[in-house]
Amino acid sequence: AAFTRLCATAGGRPDGLEGEIPTLFTVELSAQVLASHFHFGVLNRPNSVKQLMESTTLLAEIRKTSDYVLILETDHVIMRPIPNLATPEKPAAFVFGYMFPQPSQQW
């Protein structure tokens, strides 16, 4: 198992912490996009995952160390081992039913 930080920065540039933990950088959302969503900066989180999944380069970096990817929020606390319910043919996910896009907030 390996840990890799997924980090959105201006232009996807390194932030100086990549020496502490392996990091993949994505391009953060523009100030204009964030302003249209009440400056809700955590929108960079799902956008970073979207960029990861769409980038063969970023995915290739992940695959150097792992066959599977577990994406966690930075404020999650792991109390027990997490079983790997995914297979090479079938992904596994937990749906947060209270989080979903609104049609009025397209980006």
PDB file of N, CA and C in Angstrom:
ATOM      1  N   ALA A   1       0.848  -1.186   0.000  1.00  0.00           N
ATOM      2  CA  ALA A   1       0.000   0.000   0.000  1.00  0.00           C
ATOM      3  C   ALA A   1       0.884   1.237   0.000  1.00  0.00           C
ATOM      4  N   ALA A   2       0.381   2.255  -0.633  1.00  0.00           N
ATOM      5  CA  ALA A   2       1.116   3.516  -0.698  1.00  0.00           C
ATOM      6  C   ALA A   2       0.140   4.664  -0.543  1.00  0.00           C
ATOM      7  N   PHE A   3       0.612   5.759  -0.005  1.00  0.00           N
ATOM      8  CA  PHE A   3      -0.206   6.952   0.118  1.00  0.00           C
ATOM      9  C   PHE A   3       0.282   7.989  -0.879  1.00  0.00           C
ATOM     10  N   THR A   4      -0.645   8.607  -1.570  1.00  0.00           N
ATOM     11  CA  THR A   4      -0.338   9.678  -2.504  1.00  0.00           C
ATOM     12  C   THR A   4      -1.351  10.784  -2.295  1.00  0.00           C
ATOM     13  N   ARG A   5      -0.854  11.976  -2.131  1.00  0.00           N
ATOM     14  CA  ARG A   5      -1.726  13.134  -1.950  1.00  0.00           C
ATOM     15  C   ARG A   5      -2.145  13.647  -3.315  1.00  0.00           C
ATOM     16  N   LEU A   6      -3.428  13.968  -3.466  1.00  0.00           N
ATOM     17  CA  LEU A   6      -3.964  14.585  -4.677  1.00  0.00           C
ATOM     18  C   LEU A   6      -4.226  16.042  -4.332  1.00  0.00           C
ATOM     19  N   CYS A   7      -3.528  16.953  -4.993  1.00  0.00           N
ATOM     20  CA  CYS A   7      -3.524  18.348  -4.577  1.00  0.00           C
ATOM     21  C   CYS A   7      -3.786  19.292  -5.752  1.00  0.00           C
ATOM     22  N   ALA A   8      -4.784  20.165  -5.587  1.00  0.00           N
ATOM     23  CA  ALA A   8      -5.084  21.170  -6.606  1.00  0.00           C
ATOM     24  C   ALA A   8      -4.338  22.454  -6.274  1.00  0.00           C
ATOM     25  N   THR A   9      -3.588  22.954  -7.242  1.00  0.00           N
ATOM     26  CA  THR A   9      -2.852  24.206  -7.063  1.00  0.00           C
ATOM     27  C   THR A   9      -3.004  25.048  -8.328  1.00  0.00           C
ATOM     28  N   ALA A  10      -2.627  26.305  -8.215  1.00  0.00           N
ATOM     29  CA  ALA A  10      -2.660  27.191  -9.386  1.00  0.00           C
ATOM     30  C   ALA A  10      -1.762  26.608 -10.473  1.00  0.00           C
ATOM     31  N   GLY A  11      -2.345  26.328 -11.608  1.00  0.00           N
ATOM     32  CA  GLY A  11      -1.585  25.778 -12.722  1.00  0.00           C
ATOM     33  C   GLY A  11      -1.098  24.357 -12.514  1.00  0.00           C
ATOM     34  N   GLY A  12      -1.520  23.710 -11.426  1.00  0.00           N
ATOM     35  CA  GLY A  12      -1.057  22.351 -11.137  1.00  0.00           C
ATOM     36  C   GLY A  12       0.413  22.296 -10.750  1.00  0.00           C
ATOM     37  N   ARG A  13       0.934  23.429 -10.250  1.00  0.00           N
ATOM     38  CA  ARG A  13       2.357  23.505  -9.899  1.00  0.00           C
ATOM     39  C   ARG A  13       2.632  22.946  -8.502  1.00  0.00           C
ATOM     40  N   PRO A  14       3.807  22.389  -8.275  1.00  0.00           N
ATOM     41  CA  PRO A  14       4.169  21.887  -6.942  1.00  0.00           C
ATOM     42  C   PRO A  14       4.040  22.971  -5.874  1.00  0.00           C
ATOM     43  N   ASP A  15       3.700  22.527  -4.666  1.00  0.00           N
ATOM     44  CA  ASP A  15       3.480  23.466  -3.570  1.00  0.00           C
ATOM     45  C   ASP A  15       4.573  23.425  -2.502  1.00  0.00           C
ATOM     46  N   GLY A  16       5.590  22.600  -2.703  1.00  0.00           N
ATOM     47  CA  GLY A  16       6.688  22.536  -1.748  1.00  0.00           C
ATOM     48  C   GLY A  16       6.555  21.412  -0.735  1.00  0.00           C
ATOM     49  N   LEU A  17       5.410  20.754  -0.650  1.00  0.00           N
ATOM     50  CA  LEU A  17       5.219  19.668   0.313  1.00  0.00           C
ATOM     51  C   LEU A  17       5.406  18.289  -0.311  1.00  0.00           C
ATOM     52  N   GLU A  18       5.645  18.254  -1.617  1.00  0.00           N
ATOM     53  CA  GLU A  18       5.768  16.964  -2.304  1.00  0.00           C
ATOM     54  C   GLU A  18       6.949  16.134  -1.817  1.00  0.00           C
ATOM     55  N   GLY A  19       7.899  16.763  -1.145  1.00  0.00           N
ATOM     56  CA  GLY A  19       9.010  16.024  -0.563  1.00  0.00           C
ATOM     57  C   GLY A  19       8.609  15.270   0.701  1.00  0.00           C
ATOM     58  N   GLU A  20       7.507  15.667   1.309  1.00  0.00           N
ATOM     59  CA  GLU A  20       7.019  15.031   2.531  1.00  0.00           C
ATOM     60  C   GLU A  20       6.160  13.803   2.239  1.00  0.00           C
ATOM     61  N   ILE A  21       5.361  13.872   1.185  1.00  0.00           N
ATOM     62  CA  ILE A  21       4.486  12.765   0.797  1.00  0.00           C
ATOM     63  C   ILE A  21       4.340  12.800  -0.729  1.00  0.00           C
ATOM     64  N   PRO A  22       4.375  11.647  -1.376  1.00  0.00           N
ATOM     65  CA  PRO A  22       4.181  11.651  -2.833  1.00  0.00           C
ATOM     66  C   PRO A  22       2.891  12.373  -3.189  1.00  0.00           C
ATOM     67  N   THR A  23       2.960  13.217  -4.204  1.00  0.00           N
ATOM     68  CA  THR A  23       1.835  14.088  -4.536  1.00  0.00           C
ATOM     69  C   THR A  23       1.610  14.128  -6.033  1.00  0.00           C
ATOM     70  N   LEU A  24       0.347  14.095  -6.421  1.00  0.00           N
ATOM     71  CA  LEU A  24      -0.051  14.354  -7.796  1.00  0.00           C
ATOM     72  C   LEU A  24      -0.769  15.692  -7.794  1.00  0.00           C
ATOM     73  N   PHE A  25      -0.368  16.569  -8.680  1.00  0.00           N
ATOM     74  CA  PHE A  25      -0.949  17.908  -8.726  1.00  0.00           C
ATOM     75  C   PHE A  25      -1.951  18.032  -9.859  1.00  0.00           C
ATOM     76  N   THR A  26      -3.069  18.687  -9.561  1.00  0.00           N
ATOM     77  CA  THR A  26      -4.077  19.001 -10.560  1.00  0.00           C
ATOM     78  C   THR A  26      -4.259  20.513 -10.577  1.00  0.00           C
ATOM     79  N   VAL A  27      -4.907  20.988 -11.616  1.00  0.00           N
ATOM     80  CA  VAL A  27      -5.125  22.428 -11.768  1.00  0.00           C
ATOM     81  C   VAL A  27      -6.369  22.822 -10.973  1.00  0.00           C
ATOM     82  N   GLU A  28      -6.191  23.775 -10.058  1.00  0.00           N
ATOM     83  CA  GLU A  28      -7.341  24.206  -9.268  1.00  0.00           C
ATOM     84  C   GLU A  28      -8.330  25.001 -10.114  1.00  0.00           C
ATOM     85  N   LEU A  29      -9.575  25.021  -9.667  1.00  0.00           N
ATOM     86  CA  LEU A  29     -10.611  25.786 -10.355  1.00  0.00           C
ATOM     87  C   LEU A  29     -10.279  27.275 -10.306  1.00  0.00           C
ATOM     88  N   SER A  30     -10.704  27.998 -11.319  1.00  0.00           N
ATOM     89  CA  SER A  30     -10.423  29.427 -11.372  1.00  0.00           C
ATOM     90  C   SER A  30     -11.206  30.171 -10.292  1.00  0.00           C
ATOM     91  N   ALA A  31     -10.723  31.357  -9.944  1.00  0.00           N
ATOM     92  CA  ALA A  31     -11.419  32.210  -8.980  1.00  0.00           C
ATOM     93  C   ALA A  31     -12.824  32.522  -9.472  1.00  0.00           C
ATOM     94  N   GLN A  32     -12.977  32.663 -10.787  1.00  0.00           N
ATOM     95  CA  GLN A  32     -14.297  32.953 -11.364  1.00  0.00           C
ATOM     96  C   GLN A  32     -15.263  31.796 -11.123  1.00  0.00           C
ATOM     97  N   VAL A  33     -14.804  30.575 -11.342  1.00  0.00           N
ATOM     98  CA  VAL A  33     -15.671  29.410 -11.121  1.00  0.00           C
ATOM     99  C   VAL A  33     -16.027  29.307  -9.642  1.00  0.00           C
ATOM    100  N   LEU A  34     -15.034  29.452  -8.781  1.00  0.00           N
ATOM    101  CA  LEU A  34     -15.318  29.369  -7.347  1.00  0.00           C
ATOM    102  C   LEU A  34     -16.262  30.474  -6.896  1.00  0.00           C
ATOM    103  N   ALA A  35     -16.112  31.669  -7.451  1.00  0.00           N
ATOM    104  CA  ALA A  35     -17.009  32.780  -7.091  1.00  0.00           C
ATOM    105  C   ALA A  35     -18.448  32.456  -7.462  1.00  0.00           C
ATOM    106  N   SER A  36     -18.639  31.740  -8.569  1.00  0.00           N
ATOM    107  CA  SER A  36     -19.998  31.391  -8.978  1.00  0.00           C
ATOM    108  C   SER A  36     -20.607  30.329  -8.072  1.00  0.00           C
ATOM    109  N   HIS A  37     -19.797  29.750  -7.203  1.00  0.00           N
ATOM    110  CA  HIS A  37     -20.252  28.739  -6.234  1.00  0.00           C
ATOM    111  C   HIS A  37     -19.996  29.217  -4.812  1.00  0.00           C
ATOM    112  N   PHE A  38     -20.157  30.517  -4.595  1.00  0.00           N
ATOM    113  CA  PHE A  38     -20.032  31.108  -3.261  1.00  0.00           C
ATOM    114  C   PHE A  38     -18.640  30.919  -2.657  1.00  0.00           C
ATOM    115  N   HIS A  39     -17.610  30.866  -3.510  1.00  0.00           N
ATOM    116  CA  HIS A  39     -16.207  30.724  -3.092  1.00  0.00           C
ATOM    117  C   HIS A  39     -15.985  29.442  -2.282  1.00  0.00           C
ATOM    118  N   PHE A  40     -16.690  28.403  -2.659  1.00  0.00           N
ATOM    119  CA  PHE A  40     -16.616  27.110  -1.966  1.00  0.00           C
ATOM    120  C   PHE A  40     -15.410  26.339  -2.495  1.00  0.00           C
ATOM    121  N   GLY A  41     -14.250  26.604  -1.917  1.00  0.00           N
ATOM    122  CA  GLY A  41     -12.987  26.069  -2.407  1.00  0.00           C
ATOM    123  C   GLY A  41     -12.889  24.559  -2.430  1.00  0.00           C
ATOM    124  N   VAL A  42     -13.679  23.873  -1.598  1.00  0.00           N
ATOM    125  CA  VAL A  42     -13.591  22.411  -1.593  1.00  0.00           C
ATOM    126  C   VAL A  42     -14.138  21.791  -2.878  1.00  0.00           C
ATOM    127  N   LEU A  43     -14.691  22.624  -3.783  1.00  0.00           N
ATOM    128  CA  LEU A  43     -15.060  22.100  -5.095  1.00  0.00           C
ATOM    129  C   LEU A  43     -13.835  21.586  -5.845  1.00  0.00           C
ATOM    130  N   ASN A  44     -12.660  22.016  -5.410  1.00  0.00           N
ATOM    131  CA  ASN A  44     -11.449  21.502  -6.027  1.00  0.00           C
ATOM    132  C   ASN A  44     -11.273  20.006  -5.772  1.00  0.00           C
ATOM    133  N   ARG A  45     -11.854  19.486  -4.707  1.00  0.00           N
ATOM    134  CA  ARG A  45     -11.704  18.058  -4.410  1.00  0.00           C
ATOM    135  C   ARG A  45     -12.317  17.181  -5.490  1.00  0.00           C
ATOM    136  N   PRO A  46     -13.621  17.306  -5.774  1.00  0.00           N
ATOM    137  CA  PRO A  46     -14.158  16.442  -6.837  1.00  0.00           C
ATOM    138  C   PRO A  46     -13.563  16.770  -8.201  1.00  0.00           C
ATOM    139  N   ASN A  47     -13.218  18.029  -8.423  1.00  0.00           N
ATOM    140  CA  ASN A  47     -12.599  18.396  -9.697  1.00  0.00           C
ATOM    141  C   ASN A  47     -11.226  17.731  -9.838  1.00  0.00           C
ATOM    142  N   SER A  48     -10.485  17.622  -8.748  1.00  0.00           N
ATOM    143  CA  SER A  48      -9.182  16.951  -8.784  1.00  0.00           C
ATOM    144  C   SER A  48      -9.344  15.469  -9.093  1.00  0.00           C
ATOM    145  N   VAL A  49     -10.353  14.843  -8.498  1.00  0.00           N
ATOM    146  CA  VAL A  49     -10.600  13.422  -8.778  1.00  0.00           C
ATOM    147  C   VAL A  49     -10.997  13.259 -10.239  1.00  0.00           C
ATOM    148  N   LYS A  50     -11.810  14.161 -10.750  1.00  0.00           N
ATOM    149  CA  LYS A  50     -12.197  14.124 -12.168  1.00  0.00           C
ATOM    150  C   LYS A  50     -10.965  14.228 -13.062  1.00  0.00           C
ATOM    151  N   GLN A  51     -10.063  15.159 -12.740  1.00  0.00           N
ATOM    152  CA  GLN A  51      -8.834  15.297 -13.534  1.00  0.00           C
ATOM    153  C   GLN A  51      -7.980  14.038 -13.439  1.00  0.00           C
ATOM    154  N   LEU A  52      -7.907  13.440 -12.248  1.00  0.00           N
ATOM    155  CA  LEU A  52      -7.146  12.206 -12.075  1.00  0.00           C
ATOM    156  C   LEU A  52      -7.698  11.109 -12.979  1.00  0.00           C
ATOM    157  N   MET A  53      -9.011  10.934 -12.966  1.00  0.00           N
ATOM    158  CA  MET A  53      -9.627   9.860 -13.744  1.00  0.00           C
ATOM    159  C   MET A  53      -9.540  10.099 -15.250  1.00  0.00           C
ATOM    160  N   GLU A  54      -9.427  11.352 -15.662  1.00  0.00           N
ATOM    161  CA  GLU A  54      -9.351  11.672 -17.095  1.00  0.00           C
ATOM    162  C   GLU A  54      -7.925  11.722 -17.626  1.00  0.00           C
ATOM    163  N   SER A  55      -6.939  11.635 -16.734  1.00  0.00           N
ATOM    164  CA  SER A  55      -5.544  11.785 -17.149  1.00  0.00           C
ATOM    165  C   SER A  55      -4.813  10.448 -17.149  1.00  0.00           C
ATOM    166  N   THR A  56      -4.421   9.999 -18.327  1.00  0.00           N
ATOM    167  CA  THR A  56      -3.635   8.765 -18.387  1.00  0.00           C
ATOM    168  C   THR A  56      -2.282   8.937 -17.713  1.00  0.00           C
ATOM    169  N   THR A  57      -1.750  10.139 -17.731  1.00  0.00           N
ATOM    170  CA  THR A  57      -0.457  10.407 -17.083  1.00  0.00           C
ATOM    171  C   THR A  57      -0.566  10.272 -15.576  1.00  0.00           C
ATOM    172  N   LEU A  58      -1.588  10.904 -14.979  1.00  0.00           N
ATOM    173  CA  LEU A  58      -1.761  10.814 -13.524  1.00  0.00           C
ATOM    174  C   LEU A  58      -2.097   9.393 -13.096  1.00  0.00           C
ATOM    175  N   LEU A  59      -2.966   8.723 -13.850  1.00  0.00           N
ATOM    176  CA  LEU A  59      -3.317   7.345 -13.508  1.00  0.00           C
ATOM    177  C   LEU A  59      -2.117   6.421 -13.606  1.00  0.00           C
ATOM    178  N   ALA A  60      -1.249   6.667 -14.571  1.00  0.00           N
ATOM    179  CA  ALA A  60      -0.036   5.849 -14.701  1.00  0.00           C
ATOM    180  C   ALA A  60       0.846   6.005 -13.468  1.00  0.00           C
ATOM    181  N   GLU A  61       0.903   7.206 -12.909  1.00  0.00           N
ATOM    182  CA  GLU A  61       1.681   7.432 -11.683  1.00  0.00           C
ATOM    183  C   GLU A  61       1.102   6.630 -10.528  1.00  0.00           C
ATOM    184  N   ILE A  62      -0.213   6.620 -10.392  1.00  0.00           N
ATOM    185  CA  ILE A  62      -0.871   5.852  -9.326  1.00  0.00           C
ATOM    186  C   ILE A  62      -0.592   4.366  -9.508  1.00  0.00           C
ATOM    187  N   ARG A  63      -0.664   3.895 -10.733  1.00  0.00           N
ATOM    188  CA  ARG A  63      -0.503   2.461 -11.004  1.00  0.00           C
ATOM    189  C   ARG A  63       0.921   1.965 -10.766  1.00  0.00           C
ATOM    190  N   LYS A  64       1.866   2.864 -10.615  1.00  0.00           N
ATOM    191  CA  LYS A  64       3.241   2.440 -10.309  1.00  0.00           C
ATOM    192  C   LYS A  64       3.318   1.783  -8.934  1.00  0.00           C
ATOM    193  N   THR A  65       2.422   2.177  -8.028  1.00  0.00           N
ATOM    194  CA  THR A  65       2.489   1.667  -6.660  1.00  0.00           C
ATOM    195  C   THR A  65       1.255   0.893  -6.232  1.00  0.00           C
ATOM    196  N   SER A  66       0.147   0.981  -6.972  1.00  0.00           N
ATOM    197  CA  SER A  66      -1.098   0.385  -6.495  1.00  0.00           C
ATOM    198  C   SER A  66      -1.933  -0.175  -7.637  1.00  0.00           C
ATOM    199  N   ASP A  67      -2.613  -1.276  -7.341  1.00  0.00           N
ATOM    200  CA  ASP A  67      -3.580  -1.826  -8.289  1.00  0.00           C
ATOM    201  C   ASP A  67      -4.958  -1.209  -8.075  1.00  0.00           C
ATOM    202  N   TYR A  68      -5.195  -0.727  -6.861  1.00  0.00           N
ATOM    203  CA  TYR A  68      -6.485  -0.143  -6.503  1.00  0.00           C
ATOM    204  C   TYR A  68      -6.258   1.240  -5.914  1.00  0.00           C
ATOM    205  N   VAL A  69      -7.290   2.069  -5.989  1.00  0.00           N
ATOM    206  CA  VAL A  69      -7.215   3.423  -5.437  1.00  0.00           C
ATOM    207  C   VAL A  69      -8.339   3.595  -4.427  1.00  0.00           C
ATOM    208  N   LEU A  70      -7.987   4.051  -3.239  1.00  0.00           N
ATOM    209  CA  LEU A  70      -8.960   4.394  -2.210  1.00  0.00           C
ATOM    210  C   LEU A  70      -8.874   5.901  -2.026  1.00  0.00           C
ATOM    211  N   ILE A  71      -9.975   6.580  -2.278  1.00  0.00           N
ATOM    212  CA  ILE A  71      -9.998   8.037  -2.163  1.00  0.00           C
ATOM    213  C   ILE A  71     -10.735   8.395  -0.884  1.00  0.00           C
ATOM    214  N   LEU A  72     -10.044   9.133  -0.011  1.00  0.00           N
ATOM    215  CA  LEU A  72     -10.614   9.539   1.275  1.00  0.00           C
ATOM    216  C   LEU A  72     -10.568  11.044   1.413  1.00  0.00           C
ATOM    217  N   GLU A  73     -11.508  11.571   2.166  1.00  0.00           N
ATOM    218  CA  GLU A  73     -11.456  12.982   2.546  1.00  0.00           C
ATOM    219  C   GLU A  73     -10.344  13.149   3.575  1.00  0.00           C
ATOM    220  N   THR A  74      -9.808  14.335   3.630  1.00  0.00           N
ATOM    221  CA  THR A  74      -8.702  14.578   4.562  1.00  0.00           C
ATOM    222  C   THR A  74      -9.149  14.559   6.018  1.00  0.00           C
ATOM    223  N   ASP A  75     -10.446  14.663   6.269  1.00  0.00           N
ATOM    224  CA  ASP A  75     -10.916  14.655   7.652  1.00  0.00           C
ATOM    225  C   ASP A  75     -11.508  13.312   8.081  1.00  0.00           C
ATOM    226  N   HIS A  76     -11.367  12.275   7.265  1.00  0.00           N
ATOM    227  CA  HIS A  76     -11.824  10.950   7.664  1.00  0.00           C
ATOM    228  C   HIS A  76     -10.826  10.323   8.625  1.00  0.00           C
ATOM    229  N   VAL A  77     -11.351   9.623   9.614  1.00  0.00           N
ATOM    230  CA  VAL A  77     -10.525   8.898  10.573  1.00  0.00           C
ATOM    231  C   VAL A  77     -10.814   7.413  10.377  1.00  0.00           C
ATOM    232  N   ILE A  78      -9.778   6.633  10.139  1.00  0.00           N
ATOM    233  CA  ILE A  78      -9.926   5.198   9.911  1.00  0.00           C
ATOM    234  C   ILE A  78      -9.820   4.497  11.267  1.00  0.00           C
ATOM    235  N   MET A  79     -10.901   3.873  11.693  1.00  0.00           N
ATOM    236  CA  MET A  79     -10.940   3.206  12.993  1.00  0.00           C
ATOM    237  C   MET A  79     -10.695   1.699  12.886  1.00  0.00           C
ATOM    238  N   ARG A  80     -11.012   1.113  11.721  1.00  0.00           N
ATOM    239  CA  ARG A  80     -10.833  -0.316  11.503  1.00  0.00           C
ATOM    240  C   ARG A  80     -10.300  -0.527  10.100  1.00  0.00           C
ATOM    241  N   PRO A  81      -9.718  -1.690   9.836  1.00  0.00           N
ATOM    242  CA  PRO A  81      -9.272  -1.960   8.461  1.00  0.00           C
ATOM    243  C   PRO A  81     -10.438  -1.850   7.485  1.00  0.00           C
ATOM    244  N   ILE A  82     -10.154  -1.338   6.309  1.00  0.00           N
ATOM    245  CA  ILE A  82     -11.176  -1.181   5.281  1.00  0.00           C
ATOM    246  C   ILE A  82     -11.047  -2.340   4.307  1.00  0.00           C
ATOM    247  N   PRO A  83     -12.106  -3.128   4.160  1.00  0.00           N
ATOM    248  CA  PRO A  83     -12.014  -4.242   3.209  1.00  0.00           C
ATOM    249  C   PRO A  83     -12.018  -3.718   1.772  1.00  0.00           C
ATOM    250  N   ASN A  84     -11.259  -4.377   0.922  1.00  0.00           N
ATOM    251  CA  ASN A  84     -11.255  -4.022  -0.495  1.00  0.00           C
ATOM    252  C   ASN A  84     -12.400  -4.766  -1.166  1.00  0.00           C
ATOM    253  N   LEU A  85     -13.476  -4.062  -1.448  1.00  0.00           N
ATOM    254  CA  LEU A  85     -14.643  -4.665  -2.089  1.00  0.00           C
ATOM    255  C   LEU A  85     -14.575  -4.589  -3.606  1.00  0.00           C
ATOM    256  N   ALA A  86     -13.551  -3.950  -4.136  1.00  0.00           N
ATOM    257  CA  ALA A  86     -13.407  -3.802  -5.589  1.00  0.00           C
ATOM    258  C   ALA A  86     -12.714  -5.022  -6.174  1.00  0.00           C
ATOM    259  N   THR A  87     -12.965  -5.234  -7.443  1.00  0.00           N
ATOM    260  CA  THR A  87     -12.259  -6.266  -8.212  1.00  0.00           C
ATOM    261  C   THR A  87     -11.743  -5.597  -9.477  1.00  0.00           C
ATOM    262  N   PRO A  88     -10.879  -6.267 -10.224  1.00  0.00           N
ATOM    263  CA  PRO A  88     -10.427  -5.664 -11.486  1.00  0.00           C
ATOM    264  C   PRO A  88     -11.574  -5.373 -12.458  1.00  0.00           C
ATOM    265  N   GLU A  89     -12.685  -6.080 -12.305  1.00  0.00           N
ATOM    266  CA  GLU A  89     -13.822  -5.876 -13.207  1.00  0.00           C
ATOM    267  C   GLU A  89     -14.898  -4.954 -12.633  1.00  0.00           C
ATOM    268  N   LYS A  90     -14.911  -4.752 -11.321  1.00  0.00           N
ATOM    269  CA  LYS A  90     -16.008  -4.007 -10.698  1.00  0.00           C
ATOM    270  C   LYS A  90     -15.483  -3.065  -9.612  1.00  0.00           C
ATOM    271  N   PRO A  91     -15.695  -1.761  -9.799  1.00  0.00           N
ATOM    272  CA  PRO A  91     -15.275  -0.812  -8.760  1.00  0.00           C
ATOM    273  C   PRO A  91     -16.244  -0.861  -7.575  1.00  0.00           C
ATOM    274  N   ALA A  92     -15.813  -0.321  -6.475  1.00  0.00           N
ATOM    275  CA  ALA A  92     -16.668  -0.215  -5.291  1.00  0.00           C
ATOM    276  C   ALA A  92     -16.642   1.229  -4.821  1.00  0.00           C
ATOM    277  N   ALA A  93     -17.777   1.689  -4.293  1.00  0.00           N
ATOM    278  CA  ALA A  93     -17.856   3.074  -3.831  1.00  0.00           C
ATOM    279  C   ALA A  93     -18.913   3.198  -2.745  1.00  0.00           C
ATOM    280  N   PHE A  94     -18.795   4.233  -1.960  1.00  0.00           N
ATOM    281  CA  PHE A  94     -19.826   4.595  -0.996  1.00  0.00           C
ATOM    282  C   PHE A  94     -20.435   5.895  -1.486  1.00  0.00           C
ATOM    283  N   VAL A  95     -21.730   5.920  -1.571  1.00  0.00           N
ATOM    284  CA  VAL A  95     -22.421   7.103  -2.071  1.00  0.00           C
ATOM    285  C   VAL A  95     -22.814   7.992  -0.889  1.00  0.00           C
ATOM    286  N   PHE A  96     -22.418   9.237  -0.969  1.00  0.00           N
ATOM    287  CA  PHE A  96     -22.847  10.222   0.011  1.00  0.00           C
ATOM    288  C   PHE A  96     -24.112  10.860  -0.550  1.00  0.00           C
ATOM    289  N   GLY A  97     -25.261  10.379  -0.108  1.00  0.00           N
ATOM    290  CA  GLY A  97     -26.534  10.789  -0.669  1.00  0.00           C
ATOM    291  C   GLY A  97     -26.877  12.250  -0.502  1.00  0.00           C
ATOM    292  N   TYR A  98     -26.222  12.930   0.413  1.00  0.00           N
ATOM    293  CA  TYR A  98     -26.514  14.340   0.628  1.00  0.00           C
ATOM    294  C   TYR A  98     -25.647  15.254  -0.233  1.00  0.00           C
ATOM    295  N   MET A  99     -24.735  14.672  -0.990  1.00  0.00           N
ATOM    296  CA  MET A  99     -23.876  15.472  -1.860  1.00  0.00           C
ATOM    297  C   MET A  99     -24.208  15.167  -3.311  1.00  0.00           C
ATOM    298  N   PHE A 100     -24.735  16.147  -4.005  1.00  0.00           N
ATOM    299  CA  PHE A 100     -25.037  15.972  -5.416  1.00  0.00           C
ATOM    300  C   PHE A 100     -25.074  17.342  -6.077  1.00  0.00           C
ATOM    301  N   PRO A 101     -24.771  17.411  -7.364  1.00  0.00           N
ATOM    302  CA  PRO A 101     -24.756  18.689  -8.063  1.00  0.00           C
ATOM    303  C   PRO A 101     -26.164  19.239  -8.267  1.00  0.00           C
ATOM    304  N   GLN A 102     -26.259  20.526  -8.308  1.00  0.00           N
ATOM    305  CA  GLN A 102     -27.513  21.194  -8.597  1.00  0.00           C
ATOM    306  C   GLN A 102     -27.466  21.684 -10.041  1.00  0.00           C
ATOM    307  N   PRO A 103     -28.563  21.549 -10.785  1.00  0.00           N
ATOM    308  CA  PRO A 103     -28.576  22.008 -12.177  1.00  0.00           C
ATOM    309  C   PRO A 103     -28.188  23.483 -12.329  1.00  0.00           C
ATOM    310  N   SER A 104     -28.481  24.274 -11.326  1.00  0.00           N
ATOM    311  CA  SER A 104     -28.179  25.715 -11.418  1.00  0.00           C
ATOM    312  C   SER A 104     -26.697  26.013 -11.211  1.00  0.00           C
ATOM    313  N   GLN A 105     -25.914  25.017 -10.863  1.00  0.00           N
ATOM    314  CA  GLN A 105     -24.500  25.234 -10.573  1.00  0.00           C
ATOM    315  C   GLN A 105     -23.622  24.427 -11.518  1.00  0.00           C
ATOM    316  N   GLN A 106     -23.760  24.668 -12.778  1.00  0.00           N
ATOM    317  CA  GLN A 106     -22.940  24.004 -13.774  1.00  0.00           C
ATOM    318  C   GLN A 106     -21.551  24.613 -13.811  1.00  0.00           C
ATOM    319  N   TRP A 107     -20.524  23.788 -13.936  1.00  0.00           N
ATOM    320  CA  TRP A 107     -19.151  24.275 -14.049  1.00  0.00           C
ATOM    321  C   TRP A 107     -18.415  23.335 -14.937  1.00  0.00           C
TER     322      TRP A 107
END
